[in-house]
Amino acid sequence: MQALYNENAPKKPTNLSVNSDLLEKVKHLNINLSATFELALKEKLAKAQTENWKTENKRAIQAYNELIDEHGLFADEHRQF
């Protein structure tokens, strides 16, 4: 499986606008903003790529399901459940 992104790519400074009260509270709790932001982006990226894959492969998945509905699975006769 292909990596989601290059985890060894260099860091790049970025300016963000964040709710000031939220920022104050997380800083008070010593929450690492960069690590939290990267984790949130990684999760969003994974979800978006999954949804894109499903959309791009929707017709193939439907065709496969129709084939299984019509002919069954290869080992259906050997299943114990």
Protein backbone atom coordinates (compact mmCIF):
# COMPACT_ATOMS: atom_id res chain seq x y z
CA MET A 1 0.00 0.00 0.00
CA GLN A 2 1.27 3.43 -0.88
CA ALA A 3 2.15 5.77 1.99
CA LEU A 4 -0.38 8.48 2.75
CA TYR A 5 2.35 11.14 2.58
CA ASN A 6 6.11 11.48 3.04
CA GLU A 7 6.56 11.56 6.81
CA ASN A 8 10.24 12.48 6.34
CA ALA A 9 9.53 15.65 4.35
CA PRO A 10 10.92 18.78 6.00
CA LYS A 11 8.70 20.89 8.22
CA LYS A 12 7.38 24.14 6.79
CA PRO A 13 6.31 27.11 8.92
CA THR A 14 2.66 28.01 8.40
CA ASN A 15 0.45 30.81 9.67
CA LEU A 16 -2.97 29.82 10.98
CA SER A 17 -5.90 31.63 12.51
CA VAL A 18 -7.20 29.89 15.63
CA ASN A 19 -9.87 30.78 18.14
CA SER A 20 -7.98 32.70 20.84
CA ASP A 21 -9.75 31.03 23.77
CA LEU A 22 -9.11 27.58 22.34
CA LEU A 23 -5.47 28.42 21.73
CA GLU A 24 -5.03 29.71 25.28
CA LYS A 25 -6.57 26.59 26.79
CA VAL A 26 -4.46 24.11 24.78
CA LYS A 27 -1.28 26.07 25.47
CA HIS A 28 -2.12 26.01 29.18
CA LEU A 29 -2.32 22.20 28.96
CA ASN A 30 1.00 22.01 27.04
CA ILE A 31 -0.67 20.41 24.01
CA ASN A 32 1.75 20.34 21.10
CA LEU A 33 0.00 22.38 18.42
CA SER A 34 2.15 21.21 15.52
CA ALA A 35 1.77 17.52 16.36
CA THR A 36 -1.98 17.90 16.95
CA PHE A 37 -2.45 19.79 13.70
CA GLU A 38 -0.44 17.20 11.74
CA LEU A 39 -2.47 14.36 13.25
CA ALA A 40 -5.74 16.11 12.39
CA LEU A 41 -4.57 16.75 8.81
CA LYS A 42 -3.40 13.15 8.46
CA GLU A 43 -6.83 11.87 9.56
CA LYS A 44 -8.63 14.26 7.19
CA LEU A 45 -6.34 13.27 4.32
CA ALA A 46 -6.90 9.56 4.93
CA LYS A 47 -10.67 10.03 5.05
CA ALA A 48 -10.71 12.17 1.90
CA GLN A 49 -8.54 9.70 -0.01
CA THR A 50 -10.76 6.81 1.11
CA GLU A 51 -13.86 8.64 -0.09
CA ASN A 52 -12.15 9.48 -3.40
CA TRP A 53 -11.16 5.84 -3.86
CA LYS A 54 -14.73 4.69 -3.19
CA THR A 55 -16.08 7.22 -5.71
CA GLU A 56 -13.50 6.30 -8.36
CA ASN A 57 -14.16 2.57 -7.91
CA LYS A 58 -17.92 2.66 -7.37
CA ARG A 59 -18.76 1.10 -10.74
CA ALA A 60 -16.22 -1.70 -10.32
CA ILE A 61 -17.48 -2.47 -6.81
CA GLN A 62 -21.08 -2.57 -8.07
CA ALA A 63 -20.10 -4.87 -10.94
CA TYR A 64 -18.24 -7.20 -8.56
CA ASN A 65 -21.21 -7.32 -6.18
CA GLU A 66 -23.56 -8.10 -9.06
CA LEU A 67 -21.23 -10.90 -10.19
CA ILE A 68 -21.20 -12.39 -6.68
CA ASP A 69 -24.98 -12.06 -6.39
CA GLU A 70 -25.40 -13.89 -9.69
CA HIS A 71 -22.75 -16.60 -9.32
CA GLY A 72 -21.87 -16.72 -5.61
CA LEU A 73 -18.37 -16.93 -4.18
CA PHE A 74 -15.77 -19.42 -5.36
CA ALA A 75 -15.71 -21.37 -2.09
CA ASP A 76 -19.37 -21.08 -1.07
CA GLU A 77 -19.83 -24.83 -1.11
CA HIS A 78 -16.98 -25.33 1.38
CA ARG A 79 -18.09 -22.79 3.98
CA GLN A 80 -18.96 -24.07 7.45
CA PHE A 81 -20.98 -20.99 8.44
